[in-house]
Amino acid sequence: MKFSGYVFGSILGLSLAAMSPAQTAAPVTAPPPNPKALEAVNRGDAAFAKKDLNEAIRQYQSAQQIDPHFAPAFVHCGDVMVINHQIDQARDQYQSAINLGTTDTQAYMRHARCVYQLGDVDGAIRDCDQAIVIDMRCFDAYMFRGGCYLFKGDAETAAADYSETVALEPKNSNTWYNYGMSQVALNNSQLQWFAFDQVVKLNPKFAMGYCRRGAAYIDLGKPEEGLADANKSLELSPSEPFAHYLVGRAQLDLKKMPEAMSAENKAIELNPKYTAAFICRGVIYERNNDMDHAIADYRKALECDPASTLAQDNLRAALQRQNPEPHRMDRRQ
């Protein structure tokens, strides 16, 4: 299961390039670690730095045997197992650290990412809850929990969590983007516009930020502004189907049918399963009184997404328009 890349990011957020086990060491209050266990962890870190993952794991497990109460040995081992695609074993390593009473929020967050990967979204939320109990300013916990709630369809709670991330890191364009996506789910066009406006102000190279602000503009009845944002997105990412789709939507609202048709054709060329583009192109065909092609596009949209109520409604209306029922005669004398 996945969130869209900009909503949830990497499911585990770990890579050899981006993290080091030494950065995740859990603070230990008592008792102090066995010196030999600490030496083994340091050897594991050195092996990790050389990208010798198996040796790193062996050293961390050696540290665990020397001192079963040294939580960092379990956290570091879990980190490397994640990179080694051993998600079940990594989860167990983080759980061992948690069972030792660690107050390292990252142990909970690493565990949350593992259980989410394994399909336990509610378990991931519980881990985030605990991380927030430990540290009410735990940015990662609010961010990840918001993504979990959005996945579960609870956009209001997701929006509340993303609001916390915005408060904690107001100059982070990704936090504003995620908050904006929660407002997309809530169909709040005004707050969508506000969030994505912050995104592009903070990161003028964020192509999808322009797309999303453009979509909000169109929903707010401002197709000229929406078209400008879609075109700006295409300058940054010429092959983005969503941007071409938005160009089509804006041109449709501006009653520029050839331009709208061209844009939707391009969106479908780039993404042959693009339900929304087929629907929009169907509307363009209808405006041109080409009902056969409109009906074909609505049917294609339903092939792509059988649950699309908009495609169902448009198809039903188009069929009725093409074949209207004969007027009934009043036979009363």
C-alpha atoms as a PDB file:
ATOM      1  CA  MET A   1       0.000   0.000   0.000  1.00  0.00           C
ATOM      2  CA  LYS A   2       1.257   3.438  -0.805  1.00  0.00           C
ATOM      3  CA  PHE A   3       0.533   7.089  -0.435  1.00  0.00           C
ATOM      4  CA  SER A   4       1.267   9.385  -3.315  1.00  0.00           C
ATOM      5  CA  GLY A   5       4.874  10.358  -3.332  1.00  0.00           C
ATOM      6  CA  TYR A   6       4.306  13.907  -2.104  1.00  0.00           C
ATOM      7  CA  VAL A   7       1.839  12.901   0.583  1.00  0.00           C
ATOM      8  CA  PHE A   8       3.792  10.230   2.332  1.00  0.00           C
ATOM      9  CA  GLY A   9       7.238  10.141   0.851  1.00  0.00           C
ATOM     10  CA  SER A  10       9.382   7.016   1.090  1.00  0.00           C
ATOM     11  CA  ILE A  11       7.545   4.401   3.060  1.00  0.00           C
ATOM     12  CA  LEU A  12      10.513   3.758   5.306  1.00  0.00           C
ATOM     13  CA  GLY A  13      12.508   6.908   4.764  1.00  0.00           C
ATOM     14  CA  LEU A  14      15.805   5.054   5.082  1.00  0.00           C
ATOM     15  CA  SER A  15      18.695   4.725   2.667  1.00  0.00           C
ATOM     16  CA  LEU A  16      22.420   4.272   2.846  1.00  0.00           C
ATOM     17  CA  ALA A  17      22.874   7.801   1.572  1.00  0.00           C
ATOM     18  CA  ALA A  18      20.368   9.442   3.895  1.00  0.00           C
ATOM     19  CA  MET A  19      20.905   7.899   7.299  1.00  0.00           C
ATOM     20  CA  SER A  20      23.454   6.428   9.630  1.00  0.00           C
ATOM     21  CA  PRO A  21      22.669   4.125  12.540  1.00  0.00           C
ATOM     22  CA  ALA A  22      24.790   6.341  14.750  1.00  0.00           C
ATOM     23  CA  GLN A  23      22.185   9.101  14.295  1.00  0.00           C
ATOM     24  CA  THR A  24      19.420   7.005  15.791  1.00  0.00           C
ATOM     25  CA  ALA A  25      21.016   5.880  19.045  1.00  0.00           C
ATOM     26  CA  ALA A  26      18.464   5.686  21.836  1.00  0.00           C
ATOM     27  CA  PRO A  27      19.365   7.619  24.962  1.00  0.00           C
ATOM     28  CA  VAL A  28      20.066   5.243  27.805  1.00  0.00           C
ATOM     29  CA  THR A  29      19.497   6.442  31.344  1.00  0.00           C
ATOM     30  CA  ALA A  30      20.432   3.362  33.392  1.00  0.00           C
ATOM     31  CA  PRO A  31      22.340   1.188  33.523  1.00  0.00           C
ATOM     32  CA  PRO A  32      25.242   2.483  31.397  1.00  0.00           C
ATOM     33  CA  PRO A  33      26.115   0.229  28.446  1.00  0.00           C
ATOM     34  CA  ASN A  34      28.649  -2.519  28.756  1.00  0.00           C
ATOM     35  CA  PRO A  35      31.868  -1.129  27.204  1.00  0.00           C
ATOM     36  CA  LYS A  36      32.291  -4.240  25.072  1.00  0.00           C
ATOM     37  CA  ALA A  37      28.737  -3.859  23.758  1.00  0.00           C
ATOM     38  CA  LEU A  38      29.450  -0.243  22.869  1.00  0.00           C
ATOM     39  CA  GLU A  39      32.612  -1.329  21.051  1.00  0.00           C
ATOM     40  CA  ALA A  40      30.589  -3.855  19.051  1.00  0.00           C
ATOM     41  CA  VAL A  41      28.072  -1.179  18.089  1.00  0.00           C
ATOM     42  CA  ASN A  42      30.921   1.062  16.956  1.00  0.00           C
ATOM     43  CA  ARG A  43      32.279  -1.773  14.839  1.00  0.00           C
ATOM     44  CA  GLY A  44      28.821  -2.219  13.365  1.00  0.00           C
ATOM     45  CA  ASP A  45      28.690   1.465  12.514  1.00  0.00           C
ATOM     46  CA  ALA A  46      32.093   1.216  10.839  1.00  0.00           C
ATOM     47  CA  ALA A  47      30.940  -1.795   8.785  1.00  0.00           C
ATOM     48  CA  PHE A  48      27.804   0.125   7.835  1.00  0.00           C
ATOM     49  CA  ALA A  49      29.899   3.062   6.658  1.00  0.00           C
ATOM     50  CA  LYS A  50      31.717   0.632   4.362  1.00  0.00           C
ATOM     51  CA  LYS A  51      28.320  -0.666   3.121  1.00  0.00           C
ATOM     52  CA  ASP A  52      29.020  -4.109   4.565  1.00  0.00           C
ATOM     53  CA  LEU A  53      25.492  -4.605   5.842  1.00  0.00           C
ATOM     54  CA  ASN A  54      25.810  -8.243   6.859  1.00  0.00           C
ATOM     55  CA  GLU A  55      28.882  -7.516   8.973  1.00  0.00           C
ATOM     56  CA  ALA A  56      27.125  -4.540  10.527  1.00  0.00           C
ATOM     57  CA  ILE A  57      24.188  -6.729  11.521  1.00  0.00           C
ATOM     58  CA  ARG A  58      26.559  -9.342  12.943  1.00  0.00           C
ATOM     59  CA  GLN A  59      28.293  -6.745  15.112  1.00  0.00           C
ATOM     60  CA  TYR A  60      25.015  -5.268  16.388  1.00  0.00           C
ATOM     61  CA  GLN A  61      23.732  -8.721  17.270  1.00  0.00           C
ATOM     62  CA  SER A  62      27.009  -9.378  19.065  1.00  0.00           C
ATOM     63  CA  ALA A  63      26.415  -6.228  21.103  1.00  0.00           C
ATOM     64  CA  GLN A  64      22.929  -7.455  21.966  1.00  0.00           C
ATOM     65  CA  GLN A  65      24.332 -10.707  23.278  1.00  0.00           C
ATOM     66  CA  ILE A  66      26.923  -8.887  25.374  1.00  0.00           C
ATOM     67  CA  ASP A  67      24.395  -6.459  26.810  1.00  0.00           C
ATOM     68  CA  PRO A  68      20.715  -7.377  26.189  1.00  0.00           C
ATOM     69  CA  HIS A  69      19.639  -4.071  27.788  1.00  0.00           C
ATOM     70  CA  PHE A  70      21.543  -1.802  25.379  1.00  0.00           C
ATOM     71  CA  ALA A  71      18.676  -0.393  23.262  1.00  0.00           C
ATOM     72  CA  PRO A  72      20.843   1.301  20.582  1.00  0.00           C
ATOM     73  CA  ALA A  73      22.184  -2.090  19.527  1.00  0.00           C
ATOM     74  CA  PHE A  74      18.636  -3.080  18.575  1.00  0.00           C
ATOM     75  CA  VAL A  75      17.779   0.247  16.921  1.00  0.00           C
ATOM     76  CA  HIS A  76      20.957   0.257  14.818  1.00  0.00           C
ATOM     77  CA  CYS A  77      20.435  -3.360  13.830  1.00  0.00           C
ATOM     78  CA  GLY A  78      16.855  -2.598  12.794  1.00  0.00           C
ATOM     79  CA  ASP A  79      18.002   0.326  10.661  1.00  0.00           C
ATOM     80  CA  VAL A  80      20.386  -1.842   8.685  1.00  0.00           C
ATOM     81  CA  MET A  81      17.823  -4.645   8.339  1.00  0.00           C
ATOM     82  CA  VAL A  82      15.393  -2.164   6.784  1.00  0.00           C
ATOM     83  CA  ILE A  83      17.979  -1.214   4.202  1.00  0.00           C
ATOM     84  CA  ASN A  84      18.612  -4.937   3.691  1.00  0.00           C
ATOM     85  CA  HIS A  85      14.854  -5.412   3.043  1.00  0.00           C
ATOM     86  CA  GLN A  86      14.404  -7.544   6.156  1.00  0.00           C
ATOM     87  CA  ILE A  87      11.283  -5.723   7.324  1.00  0.00           C
ATOM     88  CA  ASP A  88       9.919  -8.430   9.662  1.00  0.00           C
ATOM     89  CA  GLN A  89      13.246  -8.743  11.451  1.00  0.00           C
ATOM     90  CA  ALA A  90      13.683  -4.969  11.611  1.00  0.00           C
ATOM     91  CA  ARG A  91      10.257  -4.614  13.227  1.00  0.00           C
ATOM     92  CA  ASP A  92      11.271  -7.117  15.893  1.00  0.00           C
ATOM     93  CA  GLN A  93      14.519  -5.253  16.556  1.00  0.00           C
ATOM     94  CA  TYR A  94      12.684  -1.977  17.106  1.00  0.00           C
ATOM     95  CA  GLN A  95      10.136  -3.727  19.297  1.00  0.00           C
ATOM     96  CA  SER A  96      12.965  -5.055  21.450  1.00  0.00           C
ATOM     97  CA  ALA A  97      14.259  -1.505  21.923  1.00  0.00           C
ATOM     98  CA  ILE A  98      10.742  -0.343  22.819  1.00  0.00           C
ATOM     99  CA  ASN A  99      10.338  -3.190  25.296  1.00  0.00           C
ATOM    100  CA  LEU A 100      13.500  -2.016  27.017  1.00  0.00           C
ATOM    101  CA  GLY A 101      11.751   1.277  27.760  1.00  0.00           C
ATOM    102  CA  THR A 102      13.668   3.435  25.322  1.00  0.00           C
ATOM    103  CA  THR A 103      12.648   7.071  25.161  1.00  0.00           C
ATOM    104  CA  ASP A 104      14.022   7.430  21.651  1.00  0.00           C
ATOM    105  CA  THR A 105      11.100   8.596  19.525  1.00  0.00           C
ATOM    106  CA  GLN A 106      12.862   7.304  16.431  1.00  0.00           C
ATOM    107  CA  ALA A 107      12.620   3.732  17.725  1.00  0.00           C
ATOM    108  CA  TYR A 108       8.846   4.154  17.688  1.00  0.00           C
ATOM    109  CA  MET A 109       8.900   5.861  14.313  1.00  0.00           C
ATOM    110  CA  ARG A 110      11.085   3.163  12.751  1.00  0.00           C
ATOM    111  CA  HIS A 111       8.732   0.548  14.191  1.00  0.00           C
ATOM    112  CA  ALA A 112       5.743   2.503  12.823  1.00  0.00           C
ATOM    113  CA  ARG A 113       7.172   2.464   9.303  1.00  0.00           C
ATOM    114  CA  CYS A 114       7.808  -1.264   9.483  1.00  0.00           C
ATOM    115  CA  VAL A 115       4.346  -2.214  10.726  1.00  0.00           C
ATOM    116  CA  TYR A 116       2.799   0.089   8.139  1.00  0.00           C
ATOM    117  CA  GLN A 117       4.834  -1.625   5.444  1.00  0.00           C
ATOM    118  CA  LEU A 118       3.514  -4.929   6.774  1.00  0.00           C
ATOM    119  CA  GLY A 119      -0.090  -3.721   6.572  1.00  0.00           C
ATOM    120  CA  ASP A 120      -0.797  -2.666  10.161  1.00  0.00           C
ATOM    121  CA  VAL A 121      -1.827   0.963   9.723  1.00  0.00           C
ATOM    122  CA  ASP A 122      -3.496   1.154  13.142  1.00  0.00           C
ATOM    123  CA  GLY A 123      -0.335  -0.178  14.748  1.00  0.00           C
ATOM    124  CA  ALA A 124       1.655   2.538  13.011  1.00  0.00           C
ATOM    125  CA  ILE A 125      -0.732   5.149  14.400  1.00  0.00           C
ATOM    126  CA  ARG A 126      -0.277   3.768  17.922  1.00  0.00           C
ATOM    127  CA  ASP A 127       3.491   4.052  17.553  1.00  0.00           C
ATOM    128  CA  CYS A 128       3.140   7.667  16.441  1.00  0.00           C
ATOM    129  CA  ASP A 129       0.865   8.326  19.416  1.00  0.00           C
ATOM    130  CA  GLN A 130       3.537   7.040  21.763  1.00  0.00           C
ATOM    131  CA  ALA A 131       6.264   9.080  20.081  1.00  0.00           C
ATOM    132  CA  ILE A 132       4.143  12.200  20.620  1.00  0.00           C
ATOM    133  CA  VAL A 133       3.642  11.269  24.279  1.00  0.00           C
ATOM    134  CA  ILE A 134       7.439  11.170  24.607  1.00  0.00           C
ATOM    135  CA  ASP A 135       7.944  14.380  22.644  1.00  0.00           C
ATOM    136  CA  MET A 136       4.973  16.588  21.812  1.00  0.00           C
ATOM    137  CA  ARG A 137       7.102  18.320  19.171  1.00  0.00           C
ATOM    138  CA  CYS A 138       7.971  15.116  17.307  1.00  0.00           C
ATOM    139  CA  PHE A 139       7.600  16.325  13.729  1.00  0.00           C
ATOM    140  CA  ASP A 140       8.029  12.864  12.175  1.00  0.00           C
ATOM    141  CA  ALA A 141       5.212  11.444  14.280  1.00  0.00           C
ATOM    142  CA  TYR A 142       2.674  14.065  13.210  1.00  0.00           C
ATOM    143  CA  MET A 143       3.772  13.768   9.583  1.00  0.00           C
ATOM    144  CA  PHE A 144       3.587   9.983   9.470  1.00  0.00           C
ATOM    145  CA  ARG A 145       0.380   9.763  11.498  1.00  0.00           C
ATOM    146  CA  GLY A 146      -1.242  12.294   9.188  1.00  0.00           C
ATOM    147  CA  GLY A 147      -0.371  10.088   6.236  1.00  0.00           C
ATOM    148  CA  CYS A 148      -1.835   7.049   7.985  1.00  0.00           C
ATOM    149  CA  TYR A 149      -5.090   8.849   8.712  1.00  0.00           C
ATOM    150  CA  LEU A 150      -5.273  10.110   5.129  1.00  0.00           C
ATOM    151  CA  PHE A 151      -4.811   6.546   3.924  1.00  0.00           C
ATOM    152  CA  LYS A 152      -7.654   5.420   6.201  1.00  0.00           C
ATOM    153  CA  GLY A 153      -9.904   8.102   4.730  1.00  0.00           C
ATOM    154  CA  ASP A 154      -9.965  10.297   7.856  1.00  0.00           C
ATOM    155  CA  ALA A 155      -9.006  13.539   6.161  1.00  0.00           C
ATOM    156  CA  GLU A 156     -10.071  15.754   9.075  1.00  0.00           C
ATOM    157  CA  THR A 157      -7.706  14.054  11.522  1.00  0.00           C
ATOM    158  CA  ALA A 158      -4.972  14.020   8.877  1.00  0.00           C
ATOM    159  CA  ALA A 159      -5.446  17.758   8.395  1.00  0.00           C
ATOM    160  CA  ALA A 160      -5.105  18.300  12.146  1.00  0.00           C
ATOM    161  CA  ASP A 161      -1.812  16.390  12.194  1.00  0.00           C
ATOM    162  CA  TYR A 162      -0.493  18.235   9.173  1.00  0.00           C
ATOM    163  CA  SER A 163      -1.452  21.496  10.854  1.00  0.00           C
ATOM    164  CA  GLU A 164       0.916  20.506  13.661  1.00  0.00           C
ATOM    165  CA  THR A 165       3.728  19.905  11.164  1.00  0.00           C
ATOM    166  CA  VAL A 166       3.122  23.335   9.645  1.00  0.00           C
ATOM    167  CA  ALA A 167       3.315  24.884  13.099  1.00  0.00           C
ATOM    168  CA  LEU A 168       6.570  23.035  13.823  1.00  0.00           C
ATOM    169  CA  GLU A 169       8.215  23.690  10.446  1.00  0.00           C
ATOM    170  CA  PRO A 170       6.407  26.585   8.761  1.00  0.00           C
ATOM    171  CA  LYS A 171       9.141  27.059   6.153  1.00  0.00           C
ATOM    172  CA  ASN A 172       9.054  23.436   4.967  1.00  0.00           C
ATOM    173  CA  SER A 173       7.274  23.238   1.594  1.00  0.00           C
ATOM    174  CA  ASN A 174       6.518  19.532   2.056  1.00  0.00           C
ATOM    175  CA  THR A 175       4.560  20.184   5.241  1.00  0.00           C
ATOM    176  CA  TRP A 176       2.384  22.699   3.431  1.00  0.00           C
ATOM    177  CA  TYR A 177       1.967  20.297   0.517  1.00  0.00           C
ATOM    178  CA  ASN A 178       0.737  17.530   2.781  1.00  0.00           C
ATOM    179  CA  TYR A 179      -1.620  19.898   4.542  1.00  0.00           C
ATOM    180  CA  GLY A 180      -2.927  20.981   1.150  1.00  0.00           C
ATOM    181  CA  MET A 181      -3.531  17.370   0.117  1.00  0.00           C
ATOM    182  CA  SER A 182      -5.619  16.816   3.224  1.00  0.00           C
ATOM    183  CA  GLN A 183      -7.717  19.807   2.135  1.00  0.00           C
ATOM    184  CA  VAL A 184      -8.038  18.251  -1.329  1.00  0.00           C
ATOM    185  CA  ALA A 185      -9.573  15.226   0.382  1.00  0.00           C
ATOM    186  CA  LEU A 186     -11.899  17.575   2.295  1.00  0.00           C
ATOM    187  CA  ASN A 187     -12.851  19.452  -0.922  1.00  0.00           C
ATOM    188  CA  ASN A 188     -11.894  22.772   0.646  1.00  0.00           C
ATOM    189  CA  SER A 189     -10.710  24.731  -2.381  1.00  0.00           C
ATOM    190  CA  GLN A 190      -9.895  27.901  -0.464  1.00  0.00           C
ATOM    191  CA  LEU A 191      -7.577  26.161   2.003  1.00  0.00           C
ATOM    192  CA  GLN A 192      -6.093  24.120  -0.843  1.00  0.00           C
ATOM    193  CA  TRP A 193      -5.180  27.344  -2.600  1.00  0.00           C
ATOM    194  CA  PHE A 194      -3.700  28.825   0.573  1.00  0.00           C
ATOM    195  CA  ALA A 195      -1.572  25.734   1.297  1.00  0.00           C
ATOM    196  CA  PHE A 196      -0.241  25.303  -2.227  1.00  0.00           C
ATOM    197  CA  ASP A 197       0.384  29.028  -2.493  1.00  0.00           C
ATOM    198  CA  GLN A 198       2.722  28.611   0.469  1.00  0.00           C
ATOM    199  CA  VAL A 199       4.347  25.615  -1.247  1.00  0.00           C
ATOM    200  CA  VAL A 200       5.372  27.505  -4.373  1.00  0.00           C
ATOM    201  CA  LYS A 201       6.452  30.571  -2.427  1.00  0.00           C
ATOM    202  CA  LEU A 202       8.768  28.419  -0.321  1.00  0.00           C
ATOM    203  CA  ASN A 203       9.921  26.259  -3.233  1.00  0.00           C
ATOM    204  CA  PRO A 204       9.494  27.930  -6.649  1.00  0.00           C
ATOM    205  CA  LYS A 205      10.776  24.764  -8.358  1.00  0.00           C
ATOM    206  CA  PHE A 206       8.021  22.529  -6.913  1.00  0.00           C
ATOM    207  CA  ALA A 207       6.184  21.597 -10.122  1.00  0.00           C
ATOM    208  CA  MET A 208       3.373  19.696  -8.444  1.00  0.00           C
ATOM    209  CA  GLY A 209       2.804  22.627  -6.119  1.00  0.00           C
ATOM    210  CA  TYR A 210       1.879  24.751  -9.138  1.00  0.00           C
ATOM    211  CA  CYS A 211      -0.393  21.971 -10.392  1.00  0.00           C
ATOM    212  CA  ARG A 212      -2.246  21.815  -7.119  1.00  0.00           C
ATOM    213  CA  ARG A 213      -2.560  25.571  -6.779  1.00  0.00           C
ATOM    214  CA  GLY A 214      -3.772  25.668 -10.380  1.00  0.00           C
ATOM    215  CA  ALA A 215      -6.434  23.060  -9.634  1.00  0.00           C
ATOM    216  CA  ALA A 216      -7.587  25.135  -6.666  1.00  0.00           C
ATOM    217  CA  TYR A 217      -7.762  28.249  -8.839  1.00  0.00           C
ATOM    218  CA  ILE A 218      -9.930  26.401 -11.382  1.00  0.00           C
ATOM    219  CA  ASP A 219     -12.232  25.089  -8.652  1.00  0.00           C
ATOM    220  CA  LEU A 220     -12.535  28.642  -7.337  1.00  0.00           C
ATOM    221  CA  GLY A 221     -13.673  29.846 -10.749  1.00  0.00           C
ATOM    222  CA  LYS A 222     -10.372  31.412 -11.807  1.00  0.00           C
ATOM    223  CA  PRO A 223      -9.366  29.485 -14.958  1.00  0.00           C
ATOM    224  CA  GLU A 224      -6.881  32.116 -16.164  1.00  0.00           C
ATOM    225  CA  GLU A 225      -4.845  31.794 -12.973  1.00  0.00           C
ATOM    226  CA  GLY A 226      -5.220  28.019 -13.091  1.00  0.00           C
ATOM    227  CA  LEU A 227      -3.942  27.923 -16.657  1.00  0.00           C
ATOM    228  CA  ALA A 228      -0.926  30.043 -15.730  1.00  0.00           C
ATOM    229  CA  ASP A 229      -0.035  27.670 -12.899  1.00  0.00           C
ATOM    230  CA  ALA A 230      -0.481  24.579 -15.063  1.00  0.00           C
ATOM    231  CA  ASN A 231       1.808  26.085 -17.699  1.00  0.00           C
ATOM    232  CA  LYS A 232       4.369  26.963 -15.034  1.00  0.00           C
ATOM    233  CA  SER A 233       4.293  23.353 -13.867  1.00  0.00           C
ATOM    234  CA  LEU A 234       4.889  22.208 -17.449  1.00  0.00           C
ATOM    235  CA  GLU A 235       7.927  24.467 -17.690  1.00  0.00           C
ATOM    236  CA  LEU A 236       9.375  22.564 -14.736  1.00  0.00           C
ATOM    237  CA  SER A 237       8.028  19.109 -15.634  1.00  0.00           C
ATOM    238  CA  PRO A 238       6.900  18.868 -19.281  1.00  0.00           C
ATOM    239  CA  SER A 239       5.736  15.251 -19.038  1.00  0.00           C
ATOM    240  CA  GLU A 240       3.408  15.659 -16.056  1.00  0.00           C
ATOM    241  CA  PRO A 241      -0.054  14.329 -17.110  1.00  0.00           C
ATOM    242  CA  PHE A 242      -1.829  16.218 -14.327  1.00  0.00           C
ATOM    243  CA  ALA A 243      -0.535  19.538 -15.635  1.00  0.00           C
ATOM    244  CA  HIS A 244      -1.751  18.799 -19.173  1.00  0.00           C
ATOM    245  CA  TYR A 245      -5.112  17.739 -17.758  1.00  0.00           C
ATOM    246  CA  LEU A 246      -5.371  21.038 -15.878  1.00  0.00           C
ATOM    247  CA  VAL A 247      -4.552  22.991 -19.025  1.00  0.00           C
ATOM    248  CA  GLY A 248      -7.467  21.211 -20.654  1.00  0.00           C
ATOM    249  CA  ARG A 249      -9.803  21.967 -17.759  1.00  0.00           C
ATOM    250  CA  ALA A 250      -8.854  25.635 -17.752  1.00  0.00           C
ATOM    251  CA  GLN A 251      -9.213  25.967 -21.523  1.00  0.00           C
ATOM    252  CA  LEU A 252     -12.585  24.256 -21.321  1.00  0.00           C
ATOM    253  CA  ASP A 253     -13.752  26.822 -18.783  1.00  0.00           C
ATOM    254  CA  LEU A 254     -12.396  29.544 -21.065  1.00  0.00           C
ATOM    255  CA  LYS A 255     -14.396  28.002 -23.944  1.00  0.00           C
ATOM    256  CA  LYS A 256     -11.256  27.354 -25.998  1.00  0.00           C
ATOM    257  CA  MET A 257     -12.232  23.899 -27.224  1.00  0.00           C
ATOM    258  CA  PRO A 258      -9.360  23.102 -29.631  1.00  0.00           C
ATOM    259  CA  GLU A 259      -6.776  23.978 -26.975  1.00  0.00           C
ATOM    260  CA  ALA A 260      -8.688  22.013 -24.352  1.00  0.00           C
ATOM    261  CA  MET A 261      -8.902  18.956 -26.622  1.00  0.00           C
ATOM    262  CA  SER A 262      -5.198  19.105 -27.433  1.00  0.00           C
ATOM    263  CA  ALA A 263      -4.273  19.239 -23.747  1.00  0.00           C
ATOM    264  CA  GLU A 264      -6.479  16.298 -22.785  1.00  0.00           C
ATOM    265  CA  ASN A 265      -5.145  14.270 -25.710  1.00  0.00           C
ATOM    266  CA  LYS A 266      -1.640  14.855 -24.372  1.00  0.00           C
ATOM    267  CA  ALA A 267      -2.638  13.911 -20.830  1.00  0.00           C
ATOM    268  CA  ILE A 268      -4.107  10.640 -22.095  1.00  0.00           C
ATOM    269  CA  GLU A 269      -1.071   9.985 -24.263  1.00  0.00           C
ATOM    270  CA  LEU A 270       1.131  10.307 -21.177  1.00  0.00           C
ATOM    271  CA  ASN A 271      -1.245   8.306 -18.975  1.00  0.00           C
ATOM    272  CA  PRO A 272      -3.602   5.997 -20.899  1.00  0.00           C
ATOM    273  CA  LYS A 273      -5.420   5.152 -17.639  1.00  0.00           C
ATOM    274  CA  TYR A 274      -6.178   8.759 -16.706  1.00  0.00           C
ATOM    275  CA  THR A 275      -9.833   8.649 -15.689  1.00  0.00           C
ATOM    276  CA  ALA A 276     -10.230  12.405 -15.149  1.00  0.00           C
ATOM    277  CA  ALA A 277      -8.720  13.217 -18.547  1.00  0.00           C
ATOM    278  CA  PHE A 278     -11.150  10.904 -20.324  1.00  0.00           C
ATOM    279  CA  ILE A 279     -14.039  12.525 -18.473  1.00  0.00           C
ATOM    280  CA  CYS A 280     -12.842  16.020 -19.335  1.00  0.00           C
ATOM    281  CA  ARG A 281     -12.328  15.079 -22.970  1.00  0.00           C
ATOM    282  CA  GLY A 282     -15.807  13.566 -22.989  1.00  0.00           C
ATOM    283  CA  VAL A 283     -17.218  16.882 -21.805  1.00  0.00           C
ATOM    284  CA  ILE A 284     -15.322  18.671 -24.580  1.00  0.00           C
ATOM    285  CA  TYR A 285     -16.806  16.269 -27.133  1.00  0.00           C
ATOM    286  CA  GLU A 286     -20.267  16.944 -25.699  1.00  0.00           C
ATOM    287  CA  ARG A 287     -19.763  20.699 -25.981  1.00  0.00           C
ATOM    288  CA  ASN A 288     -18.896  20.057 -29.637  1.00  0.00           C
ATOM    289  CA  ASN A 289     -22.074  17.950 -30.004  1.00  0.00           C
ATOM    290  CA  ASP A 290     -20.015  14.839 -30.761  1.00  0.00           C
ATOM    291  CA  MET A 291     -21.986  12.448 -28.599  1.00  0.00           C
ATOM    292  CA  ASP A 292     -20.524   9.227 -29.972  1.00  0.00           C
ATOM    293  CA  HIS A 293     -17.003  10.212 -28.944  1.00  0.00           C
ATOM    294  CA  ALA A 294     -18.217  11.639 -25.647  1.00  0.00           C
ATOM    295  CA  ILE A 295     -19.937   8.365 -24.753  1.00  0.00           C
ATOM    296  CA  ALA A 296     -16.850   6.419 -25.781  1.00  0.00           C
ATOM    297  CA  ASP A 297     -14.679   8.523 -23.480  1.00  0.00           C
ATOM    298  CA  TYR A 298     -17.047   8.157 -20.521  1.00  0.00           C
ATOM    299  CA  ARG A 299     -17.015   4.407 -21.056  1.00  0.00           C
ATOM    300  CA  LYS A 300     -13.230   4.449 -21.234  1.00  0.00           C
ATOM    301  CA  ALA A 301     -13.154   6.406 -17.975  1.00  0.00           C
ATOM    302  CA  LEU A 302     -15.264   3.680 -16.361  1.00  0.00           C
ATOM    303  CA  GLU A 303     -12.898   1.038 -17.658  1.00  0.00           C
ATOM    304  CA  CYS A 304     -10.102   2.887 -15.897  1.00  0.00           C
ATOM    305  CA  ASP A 305     -12.105   3.423 -12.714  1.00  0.00           C
ATOM    306  CA  PRO A 306     -15.402   1.514 -12.459  1.00  0.00           C
ATOM    307  CA  ALA A 307     -16.198   3.332  -9.190  1.00  0.00           C
ATOM    308  CA  SER A 308     -16.121   6.819 -10.735  1.00  0.00           C
ATOM    309  CA  THR A 309     -19.555   8.268 -10.027  1.00  0.00           C
ATOM    310  CA  LEU A 310     -18.801  11.271 -12.243  1.00  0.00           C
ATOM    311  CA  ALA A 311     -18.104   9.011 -15.215  1.00  0.00           C
ATOM    312  CA  GLN A 312     -21.267   7.029 -14.454  1.00  0.00           C
ATOM    313  CA  ASP A 313     -23.399  10.165 -14.227  1.00  0.00           C
ATOM    314  CA  ASN A 314     -21.921  11.709 -17.368  1.00  0.00           C
ATOM    315  CA  LEU A 315     -22.395   8.498 -19.330  1.00  0.00           C
ATOM    316  CA  ARG A 316     -25.994   8.170 -18.208  1.00  0.00           C
ATOM    317  CA  ALA A 317     -26.750  11.776 -19.131  1.00  0.00           C
ATOM    318  CA  ALA A 318     -24.983  11.490 -22.495  1.00  0.00           C
ATOM    319  CA  LEU A 319     -26.887   8.336 -23.421  1.00  0.00           C
ATOM    320  CA  GLN A 320     -30.142  10.009 -22.498  1.00  0.00           C
ATOM    321  CA  ARG A 321     -29.220  13.047 -24.549  1.00  0.00           C
ATOM    322  CA  GLN A 322     -28.322  10.886 -27.518  1.00  0.00           C
ATOM    323  CA  ASN A 323     -31.471   8.798 -27.266  1.00  0.00           C
ATOM    324  CA  PRO A 324     -34.126  10.864 -25.510  1.00  0.00           C
ATOM    325  CA  GLU A 325     -37.258   9.040 -24.438  1.00  0.00           C
ATOM    326  CA  PRO A 326     -40.268   9.898 -26.623  1.00  0.00           C
ATOM    327  CA  HIS A 327     -42.742  12.297 -25.071  1.00  0.00           C
ATOM    328  CA  ARG A 328     -45.670  10.522 -23.536  1.00  0.00           C
ATOM    329  CA  MET A 329     -49.112  11.454 -24.796  1.00  0.00           C
ATOM    330  CA  ASP A 330     -51.839  12.447 -22.384  1.00  0.00           C
ATOM    331  CA  ARG A 331     -54.595  10.081 -23.466  1.00  0.00           C
ATOM    332  CA  ARG A 332     -57.213  11.560 -21.228  1.00  0.00           C
ATOM    333  CA  GLN A 333     -60.077  13.078 -23.241  1.00  0.00           C
END
